[in-house]
């Protein structure tokens, strides 16, 4: 049986028609229908757009919500780097989506800046500060002349050793097979790496990521060398190459600007943990939402006034 506390979390306080807002939630399965929803925010939505690539689309799940305040879209995906989500659209519609489809317990999330309050309602975020999404094209690219080494599956041990020096976890070897990775060695030791979050030639874009330099070798230009090598390789098949950098990391921003990258937008990227730990609340909400619709879709009822009173009472 549900406890009174859990019932309150799931169903909320009784609302009048004036206080209620209904959002229709449905799963999208047609890439051609999804594409126009992303193109208006191409730089921000780059990771989502990449998952329209035929080889990646089966690894993704797309949810759309629309209601009185607007519409929102969320994609949950899983690649060699692990689960990820990208959210875009109106925060109220996004709230409706996350009530039913928050995704896996642990994931890496991309939010718009105005999504922060909604994100905090549903997830615990590792970081909340803004990041820059930057892009470069063949016309603006300023490559570094020093060469870097293309990394393959056999180099995964050296890559993970560098990961440990940064306090990160392990990559599976498949990451080096699926993405473009370059490194620099000093005395046969891998001291810098840059790689790819995703590449989608059919969408004309790719995202550089996993750029790291061993702490003892920083300030010597190795980060520029590997970032340049990956960028040059990706530009052969993708006209738009993008990356994300912490807005407070001025040294990294200057590095990317010297390579020809320019800011496109600001966003929040963070590892997140779902607050509905075992997924029971979302499960019950989905059952109720499906009963309301009775046509294969789901209807979420938001009660803003009741939530505002609850929030003020908890201060």
Protein backbone atom coordinates (compact mmCIF):
# COMPACT_ATOMS: atom_id res chain seq x y z
CA UNK A 1 0.00 0.00 0.00
CA UNK A 2 1.10 3.58 -0.67
CA UNK A 3 1.87 5.71 2.35
CA UNK A 4 0.19 9.11 2.71
CA UNK A 5 3.52 10.81 2.08
CA UNK A 6 4.08 8.88 -1.15
CA UNK A 7 0.52 9.57 -2.29
CA UNK A 8 1.16 13.29 -1.79
CA UNK A 9 4.37 13.10 -3.85
CA UNK A 10 2.64 11.22 -6.67
CA UNK A 11 -0.76 12.87 -6.89
CA UNK A 12 -0.16 16.27 -5.30
CA UNK A 13 -2.74 18.45 -3.56
CA UNK A 14 -6.29 18.73 -4.88
CA UNK A 15 -6.35 21.43 -7.54
CA UNK A 16 -9.06 23.53 -9.08
CA UNK A 17 -9.40 23.80 -12.85
CA UNK A 18 -7.81 27.26 -12.68
CA UNK A 19 -4.73 25.88 -10.94
CA UNK A 20 -4.27 22.84 -13.15
CA UNK A 21 -2.23 22.57 -16.32
CA UNK A 22 -2.33 19.43 -18.46
CA UNK A 23 0.59 18.27 -20.57
CA UNK A 24 0.41 15.56 -23.20
CA UNK A 25 3.49 13.32 -23.21
CA UNK A 26 4.30 10.93 -26.04
CA UNK A 27 7.23 8.95 -27.34
CA UNK A 28 8.70 9.98 -30.70
CA UNK A 29 10.03 7.25 -32.98
CA UNK A 30 10.45 9.01 -36.34
CA UNK A 31 13.82 10.78 -36.85
CA UNK A 32 12.33 12.98 -39.58
CA UNK A 33 9.72 14.29 -37.13
CA UNK A 34 12.33 14.90 -34.44
CA UNK A 35 14.83 16.79 -36.61
CA UNK A 36 12.84 20.07 -36.92
CA UNK A 37 12.42 20.22 -33.14
CA UNK A 38 16.22 20.38 -32.74
CA UNK A 39 17.47 22.46 -35.66
CA UNK A 40 16.48 25.82 -34.17
CA UNK A 41 19.02 25.18 -31.37
CA UNK A 42 21.57 23.28 -33.43
CA UNK A 43 24.66 24.14 -31.35
CA UNK A 44 22.96 23.46 -28.01
CA UNK A 45 21.20 20.31 -29.28
CA UNK A 46 24.27 18.90 -31.08
CA UNK A 47 24.51 15.74 -28.97
CA UNK A 48 20.81 15.05 -29.48
CA UNK A 49 21.03 15.70 -33.21
CA UNK A 50 23.94 13.28 -33.46
CA UNK A 51 21.66 10.51 -32.20
CA UNK A 52 19.53 10.86 -35.31
CA UNK A 53 22.46 9.18 -37.06
CA UNK A 54 21.15 5.78 -38.26
CA UNK A 55 23.72 3.79 -36.26
CA UNK A 56 22.96 5.74 -33.06
CA UNK A 57 19.19 6.22 -33.22
CA UNK A 58 18.44 2.68 -31.94
CA UNK A 59 20.43 3.55 -28.80
CA UNK A 60 18.18 6.52 -27.98
CA UNK A 61 14.70 7.11 -26.58
CA UNK A 62 12.84 10.36 -27.32
CA UNK A 63 10.01 11.92 -25.32
CA UNK A 64 7.98 15.03 -26.16
CA UNK A 65 5.54 17.05 -24.03
CA UNK A 66 3.26 19.94 -24.95
CA UNK A 67 0.81 21.99 -22.94
CA UNK A 68 -0.29 25.53 -22.04
CA UNK A 69 3.23 26.85 -21.35
CA UNK A 70 4.90 25.32 -24.41
CA UNK A 71 6.71 22.14 -25.39
CA UNK A 72 9.83 20.21 -24.36
CA UNK A 73 11.90 17.35 -25.70
CA UNK A 74 14.14 14.90 -23.86
CA UNK A 75 16.39 12.25 -25.35
CA UNK A 76 17.89 9.46 -23.24
CA UNK A 77 20.79 7.72 -24.95
CA UNK A 78 23.50 5.18 -24.22
CA UNK A 79 26.82 4.87 -26.03
CA UNK A 80 30.26 3.56 -25.07
CA UNK A 81 30.71 6.56 -22.78
CA UNK A 82 27.57 5.62 -20.82
CA UNK A 83 24.04 7.01 -20.43
CA UNK A 84 23.27 10.63 -21.27
CA UNK A 85 20.28 12.93 -21.58
CA UNK A 86 19.68 16.18 -23.44
CA UNK A 87 16.71 18.37 -22.50
CA UNK A 88 15.37 21.36 -24.39
CA UNK A 89 12.27 23.48 -24.40
CA UNK A 90 9.91 25.05 -21.89
CA UNK A 91 10.75 24.29 -18.21
CA UNK A 92 7.11 23.50 -17.30
CA UNK A 93 6.75 21.00 -20.12
CA UNK A 94 10.14 19.57 -19.14
CA UNK A 95 8.89 19.15 -15.57
CA UNK A 96 5.98 17.11 -16.91
CA UNK A 97 8.36 14.91 -18.89
CA UNK A 98 10.72 14.23 -16.02
CA UNK A 99 7.82 13.24 -13.74
CA UNK A 100 7.25 10.26 -16.02
CA UNK A 101 10.56 9.65 -17.83
CA UNK A 102 13.56 10.82 -15.78
CA UNK A 103 15.83 8.18 -17.29
CA UNK A 104 18.41 5.98 -15.55
CA UNK A 105 19.47 6.51 -11.96
CA UNK A 106 22.87 7.91 -13.01
CA UNK A 107 23.42 9.80 -16.26
CA UNK A 108 25.26 12.74 -17.82
CA UNK A 109 22.86 15.58 -18.53
CA UNK A 110 22.70 18.66 -20.74
CA UNK A 111 20.26 21.39 -19.66
CA UNK A 112 19.45 24.92 -20.77
CA UNK A 113 20.30 27.57 -18.19
CA UNK A 114 16.60 28.14 -17.45
CA UNK A 115 16.17 24.44 -16.70
CA UNK A 116 18.17 24.58 -13.46
CA UNK A 117 15.21 24.71 -11.04
CA UNK A 118 13.45 21.82 -12.81
CA UNK A 119 16.66 19.81 -12.96
CA UNK A 120 17.20 20.28 -9.23
CA UNK A 121 13.64 19.10 -8.55
CA UNK A 122 14.28 15.74 -10.19
CA UNK A 123 18.06 15.21 -9.92
CA UNK A 124 21.06 15.80 -7.71
CA UNK A 125 23.59 17.63 -9.88
CA UNK A 126 27.36 17.36 -9.48
CA UNK A 127 27.80 20.86 -10.88
CA UNK A 128 25.41 23.71 -11.58
CA UNK A 129 27.63 26.38 -13.13
CA UNK A 130 27.41 27.33 -16.80
CA UNK A 131 29.55 25.92 -19.60
CA UNK A 132 30.25 27.29 -23.06
CA UNK A 133 29.34 25.40 -26.20
CA UNK A 134 31.92 26.41 -28.80
CA UNK A 135 32.18 25.56 -32.50
CA UNK A 136 34.73 25.64 -35.30
CA UNK A 137 34.52 25.17 -39.07
CA UNK A 138 37.10 24.51 -41.74
CA UNK A 139 37.11 28.24 -42.52
CA UNK A 140 37.85 29.33 -38.93
CA UNK A 141 40.12 26.45 -37.87
CA UNK A 142 43.71 27.38 -36.96
CA UNK A 143 45.56 24.05 -36.59
CA UNK A 144 48.64 23.41 -34.50
CA UNK A 145 51.59 22.17 -36.59
CA UNK A 146 53.01 19.68 -34.07
CA UNK A 147 51.85 16.10 -34.77
CA UNK A 148 49.88 13.80 -32.48
CA UNK A 149 49.44 10.02 -32.50
CA UNK A 150 46.13 8.41 -33.49
CA UNK A 151 45.05 6.14 -30.65
CA UNK A 152 43.54 2.70 -31.21
CA UNK A 153 42.07 -0.09 -29.10
CA UNK A 154 45.54 -1.33 -28.08
CA UNK A 155 46.17 2.06 -26.39
CA UNK A 156 43.28 1.76 -23.93
CA UNK A 157 45.58 0.86 -21.01
CA UNK A 158 47.62 4.03 -21.47
CA UNK A 159 44.44 6.13 -21.85
CA UNK A 160 42.97 4.74 -18.63
CA UNK A 161 46.24 5.32 -16.79
CA UNK A 162 45.96 8.99 -17.79
CA UNK A 163 42.32 8.94 -16.71
CA UNK A 164 43.39 7.78 -13.24
CA UNK A 165 45.82 10.69 -12.94
CA UNK A 166 42.81 12.99 -13.40
CA UNK A 167 40.68 11.06 -10.89
CA UNK A 168 38.33 9.71 -13.57
CA UNK A 169 37.04 6.20 -14.16
CA UNK A 170 37.84 3.73 -16.93
CA UNK A 171 36.92 3.83 -20.59
CA UNK A 172 35.93 0.61 -22.35
CA UNK A 173 38.17 -0.20 -25.31
CA UNK A 174 35.19 0.26 -27.65
CA UNK A 175 35.40 4.02 -27.06
CA UNK A 176 38.63 4.14 -29.07
CA UNK A 177 37.05 2.08 -31.85
CA UNK A 178 33.94 4.25 -32.13
CA UNK A 179 35.51 7.69 -31.74
CA UNK A 180 38.48 9.71 -32.97
CA UNK A 181 41.23 9.89 -30.32
CA UNK A 182 44.72 11.40 -30.49
CA UNK A 183 47.48 11.51 -27.93
CA UNK A 184 50.97 12.85 -27.24
CA UNK A 185 53.70 10.74 -25.68
CA UNK A 186 56.72 11.94 -23.74
CA UNK A 187 59.42 9.32 -23.06
CA UNK A 188 56.92 6.65 -24.21
CA UNK A 189 54.37 7.81 -21.67
CA UNK A 190 50.95 9.09 -22.82
CA UNK A 191 50.68 12.57 -21.30
CA UNK A 192 47.77 14.15 -23.22
CA UNK A 193 44.63 12.90 -24.95
CA UNK A 194 41.68 14.38 -26.79
CA UNK A 195 38.78 12.43 -28.19
CA UNK A 196 35.21 12.43 -29.40
CA UNK A 197 31.93 12.40 -27.53
CA UNK A 198 30.08 11.66 -30.75
CA UNK A 199 30.47 12.03 -34.52
CA UNK A 200 27.50 12.13 -36.89
CA UNK A 201 28.47 12.73 -40.52
CA UNK A 202 24.83 12.45 -41.67
CA UNK A 203 24.05 15.43 -39.42
CA UNK A 204 27.26 17.23 -40.35
CA UNK A 205 28.47 17.61 -36.79
CA UNK A 206 30.75 16.13 -34.16
CA UNK A 207 31.56 16.87 -30.51
CA UNK A 208 35.15 16.88 -29.22
CA UNK A 209 35.55 15.70 -25.63
CA UNK A 210 37.62 13.88 -23.04
CA UNK A 211 40.49 16.36 -23.39
CA UNK A 212 43.04 15.82 -20.62
CA UNK A 213 46.71 16.43 -19.88
CA UNK A 214 48.67 14.80 -17.08
CA UNK A 215 49.09 17.33 -14.23
CA UNK A 216 52.89 17.24 -14.50
CA UNK A 217 52.82 18.10 -18.21
CA UNK A 218 50.39 21.00 -18.28
CA UNK A 219 51.31 24.40 -19.67
CA UNK A 220 53.47 22.91 -22.43
CA UNK A 221 50.98 23.02 -25.29
CA UNK A 222 50.08 19.33 -25.35
CA UNK A 223 46.37 20.04 -24.91
CA UNK A 224 46.42 22.26 -27.98
CA UNK A 225 48.23 19.59 -30.02
CA UNK A 226 45.75 16.79 -29.29
CA UNK A 227 42.67 19.04 -29.55
CA UNK A 228 43.91 20.30 -32.90
CA UNK A 229 44.53 16.77 -34.20
CA UNK A 230 41.04 15.56 -33.27
CA UNK A 231 39.41 18.68 -34.69
CA UNK A 232 41.28 18.34 -37.99
CA UNK A 233 40.27 14.70 -38.33
CA UNK A 234 36.59 15.36 -37.56
CA UNK A 235 36.40 18.30 -39.98
CA UNK A 236 37.10 15.86 -42.83
CA UNK A 237 33.59 14.42 -42.49
CA UNK A 238 31.70 16.92 -40.30
CA UNK A 239 31.44 20.61 -41.30
CA UNK A 240 30.56 21.64 -37.74
CA UNK A 241 32.79 20.54 -34.86
CA UNK A 242 31.79 21.56 -31.35
CA UNK A 243 32.95 21.15 -27.77
CA UNK A 244 31.92 22.17 -24.26
CA UNK A 245 34.13 23.89 -21.70
CA UNK A 246 33.53 25.17 -18.17
CA UNK A 247 32.82 28.90 -18.38
CA UNK A 248 35.27 29.52 -15.52
CA UNK A 249 38.14 27.66 -17.23
CA UNK A 250 39.69 30.69 -18.92
CA UNK A 251 42.91 28.86 -19.87
CA UNK A 252 41.00 26.17 -21.78
CA UNK A 253 38.75 28.76 -23.42
CA UNK A 254 41.79 30.68 -24.69
CA UNK A 255 43.29 27.43 -25.99
CA UNK A 256 40.16 26.66 -28.01
CA UNK A 257 39.87 30.25 -29.24
CA UNK A 258 43.43 30.03 -30.63
CA UNK A 259 42.29 26.95 -32.59
CA UNK A 260 39.44 28.98 -34.08
CA UNK A 261 36.56 27.94 -31.81
CA UNK A 262 33.94 30.55 -30.96
CA UNK A 263 31.16 30.58 -28.36
CA UNK A 264 27.74 29.52 -29.61
CA UNK A 265 25.67 29.31 -26.42
CA UNK A 266 25.77 28.63 -22.69
CA UNK A 267 24.36 25.56 -21.00
CA UNK A 268 24.65 23.29 -17.98
CA UNK A 269 26.41 19.94 -18.28
CA UNK A 270 26.67 17.69 -15.26
CA UNK A 271 26.64 14.19 -14.02
CA UNK A 272 23.28 13.71 -12.28
CA UNK A 273 21.62 11.24 -9.93
CA UNK A 274 17.88 10.72 -10.15
CA UNK A 275 16.10 11.62 -6.88
CA UNK A 276 13.44 8.95 -7.43
CA UNK A 277 16.06 6.35 -6.52
CA UNK A 278 14.20 3.14 -7.35
CA UNK A 279 11.82 4.65 -9.91
CA UNK A 280 8.63 3.79 -8.00
CA UNK A 281 7.20 7.32 -8.08
CA UNK A 282 7.69 7.65 -11.85
CA UNK A 283 6.22 4.16 -12.37
CA UNK A 284 3.00 5.03 -10.55
CA UNK A 285 2.79 8.42 -12.26
CA UNK A 286 3.11 6.76 -15.68
CA UNK A 287 0.27 4.36 -14.88
CA UNK A 288 -1.97 7.27 -13.84
CA UNK A 289 -0.95 9.38 -16.85
CA UNK A 290 -1.83 6.54 -19.25
CA UNK A 291 -5.24 6.08 -17.63
CA UNK A 292 -5.98 9.78 -18.19
CA UNK A 293 -5.18 9.60 -21.91
CA UNK A 294 -6.50 6.15 -22.92
CA UNK A 295 -4.98 6.54 -26.41
CA UNK A 296 -1.40 5.40 -25.96
CA UNK A 297 -0.23 8.83 -24.88
CA UNK A 298 0.18 10.12 -21.32
CA UNK A 299 -1.34 13.16 -19.62
CA UNK A 300 0.42 14.88 -16.73
CA UNK A 301 -1.47 17.34 -14.52
CA UNK A 302 0.69 20.01 -12.92
CA UNK A 303 -0.56 22.04 -9.98
CA UNK A 304 1.72 25.07 -9.79
CA UNK A 305 -0.06 26.84 -6.93
CA UNK A 306 0.02 23.81 -4.63
CA UNK A 307 3.69 23.28 -5.41
CA UNK A 308 4.47 26.93 -4.74
CA UNK A 309 2.79 26.76 -1.33
CA UNK A 310 4.69 23.59 -0.48
CA UNK A 311 7.96 25.21 -1.55
CA UNK A 312 7.32 28.34 0.52
CA UNK A 313 6.35 26.26 3.53
CA UNK A 314 9.68 24.38 3.39
CA UNK A 315 11.81 27.53 3.56
